[in-house]
N, C-alpha and C. Protein backbone atom coordinates (compact mmCIF):
# COMPACT_ATOMS: atom_id res chain seq x y z
N MET A 1 -4.38 11.00 -0.54
CA MET A 1 -5.27 10.95 -1.68
C MET A 1 -4.50 11.36 -2.92
N ASP A 2 -4.75 10.68 -4.00
CA ASP A 2 -4.10 10.95 -5.26
C ASP A 2 -4.91 11.99 -6.03
N LEU A 3 -4.44 13.23 -6.03
CA LEU A 3 -5.16 14.29 -6.72
C LEU A 3 -4.89 14.29 -8.22
N SER A 4 -4.02 13.42 -8.70
CA SER A 4 -3.73 13.39 -10.14
C SER A 4 -4.91 12.83 -10.94
N LYS A 5 -5.81 12.11 -10.30
CA LYS A 5 -6.98 11.55 -10.98
C LYS A 5 -8.22 12.43 -10.85
N ILE A 6 -8.11 13.54 -10.10
CA ILE A 6 -9.21 14.49 -9.94
C ILE A 6 -8.92 15.66 -10.88
N LEU A 7 -9.88 15.95 -11.76
CA LEU A 7 -9.66 16.92 -12.82
C LEU A 7 -10.61 18.12 -12.74
N ALA A 8 -10.08 19.25 -13.14
CA ALA A 8 -10.89 20.46 -13.36
C ALA A 8 -10.90 20.68 -14.86
N ILE A 9 -12.07 20.85 -15.43
CA ILE A 9 -12.21 21.01 -16.89
C ILE A 9 -12.70 22.41 -17.17
N SER A 10 -11.94 23.14 -17.97
CA SER A 10 -12.30 24.51 -18.30
C SER A 10 -13.66 24.56 -18.98
N GLY A 11 -14.52 25.44 -18.48
CA GLY A 11 -15.85 25.60 -19.05
C GLY A 11 -16.90 24.68 -18.47
N LYS A 12 -16.50 23.77 -17.58
CA LYS A 12 -17.46 22.86 -16.94
C LYS A 12 -17.35 23.04 -15.43
N PRO A 13 -18.48 23.15 -14.74
CA PRO A 13 -18.44 23.36 -13.30
C PRO A 13 -18.06 22.09 -12.55
N GLY A 14 -17.50 22.26 -11.36
CA GLY A 14 -17.21 21.12 -10.50
C GLY A 14 -15.91 20.42 -10.81
N LEU A 15 -15.79 19.24 -10.23
CA LEU A 15 -14.60 18.41 -10.41
C LEU A 15 -15.02 17.07 -10.99
N TYR A 16 -14.06 16.41 -11.60
CA TYR A 16 -14.31 15.14 -12.28
C TYR A 16 -13.23 14.14 -11.92
N LYS A 17 -13.64 12.89 -11.81
CA LYS A 17 -12.71 11.80 -11.55
C LYS A 17 -12.42 11.11 -12.87
N MET A 18 -11.13 10.97 -13.20
CA MET A 18 -10.77 10.29 -14.44
C MET A 18 -10.95 8.78 -14.26
N LEU A 19 -11.72 8.18 -15.16
CA LEU A 19 -11.97 6.75 -15.08
C LEU A 19 -11.05 5.97 -16.01
N SER A 20 -10.90 6.47 -17.25
CA SER A 20 -10.03 5.79 -18.20
C SER A 20 -9.63 6.74 -19.32
N GLN A 21 -8.61 6.33 -20.06
CA GLN A 21 -8.16 7.10 -21.20
C GLN A 21 -8.66 6.44 -22.48
N THR A 22 -8.92 7.30 -23.47
CA THR A 22 -9.31 6.81 -24.78
C THR A 22 -8.31 7.35 -25.79
N LYS A 23 -8.50 7.00 -27.05
CA LYS A 23 -7.60 7.50 -28.09
C LYS A 23 -7.66 9.02 -28.21
N SER A 24 -8.84 9.57 -27.99
CA SER A 24 -9.02 11.01 -28.21
C SER A 24 -9.20 11.81 -26.93
N GLY A 25 -8.99 11.21 -25.75
CA GLY A 25 -9.15 11.96 -24.51
C GLY A 25 -9.35 11.07 -23.31
N PHE A 26 -10.35 11.38 -22.49
CA PHE A 26 -10.63 10.66 -21.25
C PHE A 26 -12.11 10.38 -21.11
N ILE A 27 -12.42 9.44 -20.24
CA ILE A 27 -13.77 9.24 -19.75
C ILE A 27 -13.71 9.68 -18.29
N VAL A 28 -14.59 10.61 -17.92
CA VAL A 28 -14.60 11.14 -16.56
C VAL A 28 -15.98 10.97 -15.95
N GLU A 29 -16.02 11.07 -14.63
CA GLU A 29 -17.27 11.01 -13.90
C GLU A 29 -17.37 12.25 -13.02
N SER A 30 -18.47 12.95 -13.10
CA SER A 30 -18.70 14.15 -12.30
C SER A 30 -18.80 13.76 -10.82
N LEU A 31 -18.09 14.47 -9.96
CA LEU A 31 -18.17 14.18 -8.53
C LEU A 31 -19.51 14.61 -7.95
N THR A 32 -20.15 15.60 -8.55
CA THR A 32 -21.42 16.09 -8.02
C THR A 32 -22.61 15.29 -8.52
N GLU A 33 -22.64 15.00 -9.80
CA GLU A 33 -23.81 14.35 -10.41
C GLU A 33 -23.63 12.86 -10.63
N GLY A 34 -22.38 12.39 -10.67
CA GLY A 34 -22.12 10.98 -10.92
C GLY A 34 -22.26 10.59 -12.38
N LYS A 35 -22.48 11.56 -13.26
CA LYS A 35 -22.62 11.26 -14.69
C LYS A 35 -21.25 11.08 -15.33
N ARG A 36 -21.20 10.15 -16.27
CA ARG A 36 -19.96 9.91 -17.02
C ARG A 36 -20.05 10.63 -18.35
N LEU A 37 -18.91 11.19 -18.77
CA LEU A 37 -18.87 11.87 -20.05
C LEU A 37 -17.48 11.85 -20.63
N PRO A 38 -17.40 11.97 -21.95
CA PRO A 38 -16.07 12.01 -22.58
C PRO A 38 -15.49 13.42 -22.52
N VAL A 39 -14.19 13.50 -22.39
CA VAL A 39 -13.46 14.76 -22.45
C VAL A 39 -12.43 14.58 -23.55
N PHE A 40 -12.43 15.50 -24.49
CA PHE A 40 -11.57 15.36 -25.65
C PHE A 40 -10.26 16.10 -25.49
N ALA A 41 -9.28 15.73 -26.27
CA ALA A 41 -7.92 16.26 -26.16
C ALA A 41 -7.86 17.77 -26.35
N HIS A 42 -8.79 18.36 -27.09
CA HIS A 42 -8.74 19.79 -27.34
C HIS A 42 -9.25 20.62 -26.16
N GLU A 43 -9.89 19.97 -25.18
CA GLU A 43 -10.41 20.69 -24.02
C GLU A 43 -9.28 20.92 -23.01
N ARG A 44 -9.36 22.04 -22.30
CA ARG A 44 -8.35 22.37 -21.29
C ARG A 44 -8.69 21.64 -20.00
N VAL A 45 -7.83 20.70 -19.64
CA VAL A 45 -8.03 19.88 -18.45
C VAL A 45 -6.82 20.04 -17.55
N SER A 46 -7.07 20.24 -16.26
CA SER A 46 -5.98 20.34 -15.28
C SER A 46 -6.22 19.34 -14.17
N SER A 47 -5.19 18.61 -13.84
CA SER A 47 -5.23 17.73 -12.68
C SER A 47 -5.01 18.58 -11.44
N LEU A 48 -5.71 18.29 -10.35
CA LEU A 48 -5.53 19.06 -9.13
C LEU A 48 -4.11 18.93 -8.60
N GLU A 49 -3.43 17.85 -8.97
CA GLU A 49 -2.04 17.65 -8.56
C GLU A 49 -1.12 18.71 -9.18
N GLU A 50 -1.49 19.23 -10.35
CA GLU A 50 -0.65 20.19 -11.07
C GLU A 50 -0.88 21.63 -10.63
N ILE A 51 -1.94 21.90 -9.91
CA ILE A 51 -2.33 23.27 -9.57
C ILE A 51 -1.64 23.70 -8.28
N SER A 52 -1.19 24.95 -8.26
CA SER A 52 -0.58 25.50 -7.06
C SER A 52 -1.01 26.95 -6.89
N ILE A 53 -0.76 27.49 -5.71
CA ILE A 53 -1.12 28.86 -5.37
C ILE A 53 0.16 29.68 -5.27
N PHE A 54 0.14 30.89 -5.85
CA PHE A 54 1.28 31.78 -5.76
C PHE A 54 1.50 32.20 -4.32
N THR A 55 2.77 32.22 -3.91
CA THR A 55 3.10 32.68 -2.56
C THR A 55 4.16 33.77 -2.64
N THR A 56 4.41 34.41 -1.52
CA THR A 56 5.46 35.42 -1.46
C THR A 56 6.83 34.76 -1.28
N ALA A 57 6.86 33.47 -0.97
CA ALA A 57 8.11 32.71 -0.87
C ALA A 57 8.60 32.39 -2.28
N GLU A 58 9.72 31.71 -2.36
CA GLU A 58 10.29 31.39 -3.67
C GLU A 58 9.50 30.33 -4.42
N GLU A 59 8.87 29.39 -3.69
CA GLU A 59 8.14 28.32 -4.35
C GLU A 59 6.64 28.49 -4.14
N ASP A 60 5.87 28.06 -5.13
CA ASP A 60 4.42 28.09 -5.02
C ASP A 60 3.96 26.95 -4.11
N LEU A 61 2.76 27.07 -3.58
CA LEU A 61 2.20 26.09 -2.66
C LEU A 61 1.28 25.15 -3.42
N PRO A 62 1.61 23.84 -3.47
CA PRO A 62 0.73 22.90 -4.18
C PRO A 62 -0.67 22.88 -3.58
N LEU A 63 -1.66 22.61 -4.41
CA LEU A 63 -3.05 22.61 -3.97
C LEU A 63 -3.29 21.62 -2.84
N LYS A 64 -2.61 20.48 -2.87
CA LYS A 64 -2.77 19.50 -1.79
C LYS A 64 -2.36 20.11 -0.45
N GLU A 65 -1.29 20.90 -0.45
CA GLU A 65 -0.85 21.56 0.77
C GLU A 65 -1.85 22.65 1.19
N VAL A 66 -2.42 23.35 0.23
CA VAL A 66 -3.46 24.35 0.53
C VAL A 66 -4.65 23.66 1.19
N PHE A 67 -5.09 22.54 0.61
CA PHE A 67 -6.20 21.78 1.20
C PHE A 67 -5.86 21.32 2.61
N ARG A 68 -4.61 20.88 2.81
CA ARG A 68 -4.19 20.42 4.13
C ARG A 68 -4.25 21.56 5.15
N LYS A 69 -3.83 22.76 4.74
CA LYS A 69 -3.86 23.91 5.65
C LYS A 69 -5.30 24.33 5.95
N ILE A 70 -6.16 24.30 4.95
CA ILE A 70 -7.58 24.64 5.17
C ILE A 70 -8.20 23.61 6.11
N GLN A 71 -7.88 22.34 5.89
CA GLN A 71 -8.40 21.27 6.72
C GLN A 71 -7.97 21.44 8.17
N ALA A 72 -6.73 21.81 8.40
CA ALA A 72 -6.24 22.01 9.76
C ALA A 72 -6.93 23.21 10.41
N LYS A 73 -7.13 24.26 9.64
CA LYS A 73 -7.75 25.49 10.18
C LYS A 73 -9.22 25.27 10.51
N THR A 74 -9.93 24.51 9.67
CA THR A 74 -11.36 24.30 9.87
C THR A 74 -11.67 23.03 10.64
N GLU A 75 -10.63 22.31 11.07
CA GLU A 75 -10.78 21.04 11.76
C GLU A 75 -11.65 20.07 10.97
N ASN A 76 -11.32 19.96 9.68
CA ASN A 76 -11.95 19.03 8.74
C ASN A 76 -13.40 19.37 8.42
N GLY A 77 -13.80 20.59 8.69
CA GLY A 77 -15.16 21.01 8.37
C GLY A 77 -15.21 21.75 7.05
N LYS A 78 -16.38 22.19 6.70
CA LYS A 78 -16.54 22.96 5.47
C LYS A 78 -16.08 24.40 5.71
N VAL A 79 -15.68 25.02 4.65
CA VAL A 79 -15.22 26.41 4.70
C VAL A 79 -16.38 27.32 4.35
N PRO A 80 -16.20 28.63 4.53
CA PRO A 80 -17.30 29.55 4.21
C PRO A 80 -17.71 29.43 2.74
N GLU A 81 -18.97 29.67 2.49
CA GLU A 81 -19.46 29.66 1.12
C GLU A 81 -18.83 30.80 0.33
N PRO A 82 -18.52 30.59 -0.94
CA PRO A 82 -17.92 31.64 -1.76
C PRO A 82 -18.79 32.88 -1.90
N LYS A 83 -20.08 32.75 -1.63
CA LYS A 83 -20.99 33.90 -1.74
C LYS A 83 -20.92 34.79 -0.49
N ALA A 84 -20.03 34.45 0.45
CA ALA A 84 -19.93 35.20 1.71
C ALA A 84 -19.44 36.62 1.50
N GLY A 85 -18.83 36.90 0.39
CA GLY A 85 -18.31 38.24 0.13
C GLY A 85 -16.80 38.22 -0.03
N ASN A 86 -16.31 39.13 -0.84
CA ASN A 86 -14.88 39.14 -1.16
C ASN A 86 -14.00 39.33 0.07
N GLU A 87 -14.37 40.24 0.95
CA GLU A 87 -13.54 40.51 2.12
C GLU A 87 -13.49 39.30 3.06
N ALA A 88 -14.61 38.62 3.23
CA ALA A 88 -14.65 37.43 4.08
C ALA A 88 -13.78 36.32 3.48
N ILE A 89 -13.82 36.18 2.16
CA ILE A 89 -13.01 35.17 1.47
C ILE A 89 -11.52 35.49 1.64
N LYS A 90 -11.15 36.75 1.43
CA LYS A 90 -9.75 37.14 1.58
C LYS A 90 -9.25 36.91 3.00
N LYS A 91 -10.08 37.24 3.99
CA LYS A 91 -9.69 37.05 5.39
C LYS A 91 -9.51 35.57 5.70
N PHE A 92 -10.42 34.74 5.24
CA PHE A 92 -10.31 33.30 5.46
C PHE A 92 -9.05 32.75 4.82
N PHE A 93 -8.78 33.16 3.58
CA PHE A 93 -7.60 32.68 2.86
C PHE A 93 -6.33 33.12 3.58
N LEU A 94 -6.31 34.36 4.06
CA LEU A 94 -5.15 34.88 4.78
C LEU A 94 -4.94 34.12 6.10
N ASP A 95 -6.03 33.76 6.77
CA ASP A 95 -5.92 32.99 8.01
C ASP A 95 -5.34 31.60 7.75
N CYS A 96 -5.75 30.98 6.66
CA CYS A 96 -5.30 29.62 6.34
C CYS A 96 -3.92 29.61 5.70
N ILE A 97 -3.68 30.52 4.78
CA ILE A 97 -2.44 30.54 4.01
C ILE A 97 -1.85 31.95 4.07
N PRO A 98 -1.19 32.30 5.17
CA PRO A 98 -0.68 33.66 5.31
C PRO A 98 0.38 34.03 4.28
N GLU A 99 1.02 33.04 3.68
CA GLU A 99 2.09 33.32 2.72
C GLU A 99 1.59 33.48 1.28
N TYR A 100 0.28 33.40 1.03
CA TYR A 100 -0.20 33.54 -0.35
C TYR A 100 0.08 34.97 -0.84
N ASP A 101 0.25 35.10 -2.14
CA ASP A 101 0.58 36.40 -2.74
C ASP A 101 -0.71 37.11 -3.13
N PRO A 102 -1.12 38.15 -2.39
CA PRO A 102 -2.40 38.81 -2.66
C PRO A 102 -2.42 39.56 -4.00
N GLU A 103 -1.26 39.82 -4.58
CA GLU A 103 -1.22 40.52 -5.86
C GLU A 103 -1.47 39.57 -7.04
N ARG A 104 -1.17 38.29 -6.86
CA ARG A 104 -1.31 37.35 -7.96
C ARG A 104 -2.40 36.31 -7.76
N VAL A 105 -2.93 36.19 -6.54
CA VAL A 105 -4.04 35.27 -6.28
C VAL A 105 -5.30 36.10 -6.17
N TYR A 106 -6.18 35.95 -7.15
CA TYR A 106 -7.40 36.74 -7.21
C TYR A 106 -8.50 36.10 -6.38
N VAL A 107 -9.51 36.89 -6.05
CA VAL A 107 -10.65 36.38 -5.27
C VAL A 107 -11.33 35.24 -6.04
N SER A 108 -11.38 35.34 -7.35
CA SER A 108 -12.00 34.26 -8.14
C SER A 108 -11.23 32.95 -7.98
N ASP A 109 -9.90 33.03 -7.85
CA ASP A 109 -9.10 31.82 -7.59
C ASP A 109 -9.42 31.26 -6.21
N MET A 110 -9.54 32.15 -5.23
CA MET A 110 -9.85 31.72 -3.87
C MET A 110 -11.21 31.03 -3.82
N LYS A 111 -12.19 31.61 -4.52
CA LYS A 111 -13.53 31.01 -4.55
C LYS A 111 -13.49 29.63 -5.18
N LYS A 112 -12.70 29.48 -6.23
CA LYS A 112 -12.59 28.18 -6.89
C LYS A 112 -11.98 27.15 -5.94
N VAL A 113 -10.92 27.52 -5.23
CA VAL A 113 -10.29 26.62 -4.27
C VAL A 113 -11.28 26.24 -3.17
N ILE A 114 -12.04 27.22 -2.69
CA ILE A 114 -13.04 26.95 -1.64
C ILE A 114 -14.13 26.02 -2.17
N ASN A 115 -14.60 26.26 -3.39
CA ASN A 115 -15.60 25.37 -3.98
C ASN A 115 -15.07 23.95 -4.09
N TRP A 116 -13.84 23.81 -4.58
CA TRP A 116 -13.23 22.49 -4.73
C TRP A 116 -13.08 21.81 -3.38
N TYR A 117 -12.62 22.54 -2.38
CA TYR A 117 -12.44 21.96 -1.05
C TYR A 117 -13.79 21.49 -0.50
N ASN A 118 -14.82 22.33 -0.59
CA ASN A 118 -16.15 21.95 -0.11
C ASN A 118 -16.65 20.69 -0.84
N LEU A 119 -16.42 20.61 -2.13
CA LEU A 119 -16.84 19.46 -2.91
C LEU A 119 -16.11 18.20 -2.45
N MET A 120 -14.83 18.32 -2.20
CA MET A 120 -14.04 17.17 -1.73
C MET A 120 -14.54 16.71 -0.36
N VAL A 121 -14.87 17.65 0.53
CA VAL A 121 -15.40 17.30 1.85
C VAL A 121 -16.75 16.60 1.71
N GLU A 122 -17.62 17.12 0.84
CA GLU A 122 -18.94 16.50 0.62
C GLU A 122 -18.81 15.07 0.13
N GLN A 123 -17.79 14.81 -0.69
CA GLN A 123 -17.59 13.48 -1.27
C GLN A 123 -16.79 12.56 -0.34
N GLY A 124 -16.38 13.08 0.82
CA GLY A 124 -15.61 12.26 1.76
C GLY A 124 -14.17 12.06 1.32
N MET A 125 -13.69 12.91 0.45
CA MET A 125 -12.33 12.80 -0.07
C MET A 125 -11.44 13.79 0.69
N THR A 126 -11.17 13.48 1.95
CA THR A 126 -10.48 14.45 2.80
C THR A 126 -9.11 13.97 3.29
N ASP A 127 -8.57 12.92 2.72
CA ASP A 127 -7.25 12.45 3.12
C ASP A 127 -6.21 13.15 2.24
N PHE A 128 -5.69 14.27 2.74
CA PHE A 128 -4.72 15.04 1.97
C PHE A 128 -3.30 14.78 2.47
N SER A 129 -3.08 13.65 3.15
CA SER A 129 -1.75 13.35 3.67
C SER A 129 -0.81 12.99 2.53
N GLU A 130 0.47 13.13 2.81
CA GLU A 130 1.48 12.83 1.80
C GLU A 130 1.61 11.33 1.67
N GLU A 131 1.62 10.84 0.45
CA GLU A 131 1.95 9.45 0.21
C GLU A 131 3.46 9.36 0.11
N ASP A 132 4.03 8.27 0.63
CA ASP A 132 5.47 8.10 0.55
C ASP A 132 5.83 7.71 -0.86
N GLU A 133 6.44 8.64 -1.59
CA GLU A 133 6.76 8.39 -2.98
C GLU A 133 8.14 7.78 -3.15
N GLY A 134 8.92 7.75 -2.07
CA GLY A 134 10.25 7.17 -2.14
C GLY A 134 10.16 5.67 -1.96
N ASN A 135 11.26 5.08 -1.56
CA ASN A 135 11.27 3.64 -1.31
C ASN A 135 10.48 3.35 -0.05
N LYS A 136 9.72 2.28 -0.08
CA LYS A 136 8.92 1.89 1.07
C LYS A 136 9.69 0.84 1.86
N ILE A 137 9.49 0.83 3.16
CA ILE A 137 10.16 -0.14 4.03
C ILE A 137 9.32 -1.41 4.05
N ASP A 138 9.96 -2.55 3.77
CA ASP A 138 9.22 -3.81 3.79
C ASP A 138 9.22 -4.39 5.21
N GLU A 139 8.64 -5.58 5.37
CA GLU A 139 8.50 -6.18 6.68
C GLU A 139 9.84 -6.49 7.33
N ALA A 140 10.88 -6.75 6.54
CA ALA A 140 12.20 -7.07 7.09
C ALA A 140 12.95 -5.82 7.52
N GLY A 141 12.39 -4.64 7.22
CA GLY A 141 13.02 -3.41 7.64
C GLY A 141 13.99 -2.84 6.62
N THR A 142 14.01 -3.40 5.42
CA THR A 142 14.88 -2.87 4.38
C THR A 142 14.04 -2.13 3.36
N GLU A 143 14.67 -1.25 2.62
CA GLU A 143 13.94 -0.50 1.61
C GLU A 143 13.70 -1.39 0.40
N GLU A 144 12.46 -1.38 -0.10
CA GLU A 144 12.14 -2.14 -1.31
C GLU A 144 12.91 -1.54 -2.46
N GLY A 145 13.43 -2.40 -3.32
CA GLY A 145 14.17 -1.91 -4.48
C GLY A 145 15.65 -1.78 -4.19
N ASN A 146 16.04 -1.77 -2.92
CA ASN A 146 17.44 -1.72 -2.54
C ASN A 146 17.80 -3.05 -1.89
N PRO A 147 18.90 -3.66 -2.31
CA PRO A 147 19.29 -4.93 -1.70
C PRO A 147 19.70 -4.70 -0.25
N SER A 148 19.62 -5.77 0.55
CA SER A 148 20.05 -5.68 1.93
C SER A 148 21.54 -5.38 1.95
N PRO A 149 21.98 -4.60 2.93
CA PRO A 149 23.41 -4.30 2.98
C PRO A 149 24.21 -5.56 3.20
N GLN A 150 25.29 -5.71 2.47
CA GLN A 150 26.17 -6.86 2.58
C GLN A 150 27.24 -6.56 3.62
N PRO A 151 27.60 -7.54 4.43
CA PRO A 151 28.65 -7.28 5.41
C PRO A 151 29.97 -6.99 4.71
N ASP A 152 30.73 -6.13 5.32
CA ASP A 152 32.03 -5.75 4.78
C ASP A 152 32.98 -6.93 4.97
N GLU A 153 33.62 -7.41 3.90
CA GLU A 153 34.50 -8.56 3.95
C GLU A 153 35.66 -8.34 4.90
N ASP A 154 36.20 -7.13 4.95
CA ASP A 154 37.37 -6.86 5.77
C ASP A 154 37.00 -6.66 7.25
N ASN A 155 35.75 -6.42 7.54
CA ASN A 155 35.35 -6.06 8.88
C ASN A 155 34.36 -7.06 9.46
N LYS A 156 34.68 -8.36 9.39
CA LYS A 156 33.77 -9.38 9.92
C LYS A 156 33.97 -9.48 11.42
N SER A 157 32.87 -9.68 12.15
CA SER A 157 33.00 -9.84 13.59
C SER A 157 32.67 -11.23 14.01
């Protein structure tokens, strides 16, 4: 799934799908209500593709990978409701993502991730597999964009 078209807009609840760009911003559609609305350039908009979770390792964990780990842990089901309590949320997050940094990832961040994941499951948007961003193999077995290997002139058989 391409998370670059799924947006979180500061000050607005839920997630939005970007439909098109305009001169002054975007036209988006709410995933929960299905309503279309304009989003202007001065508003803080984040693509889910850009969001990551702080970890104790050297690199942060992209949100797509977080969703993938939650999906594996819950066997593609919904996660606990954010109203379950802070300790329950922390325990769930630790079970799914043991490497998250508890000093820099706040419970409010965890609740937001859980809300987003639940919303994506409700909408049937649960394919968090990696898309092959490199060269794709065509039917002949060669990489697209790369010419077929030429036989070596000196080494003909």
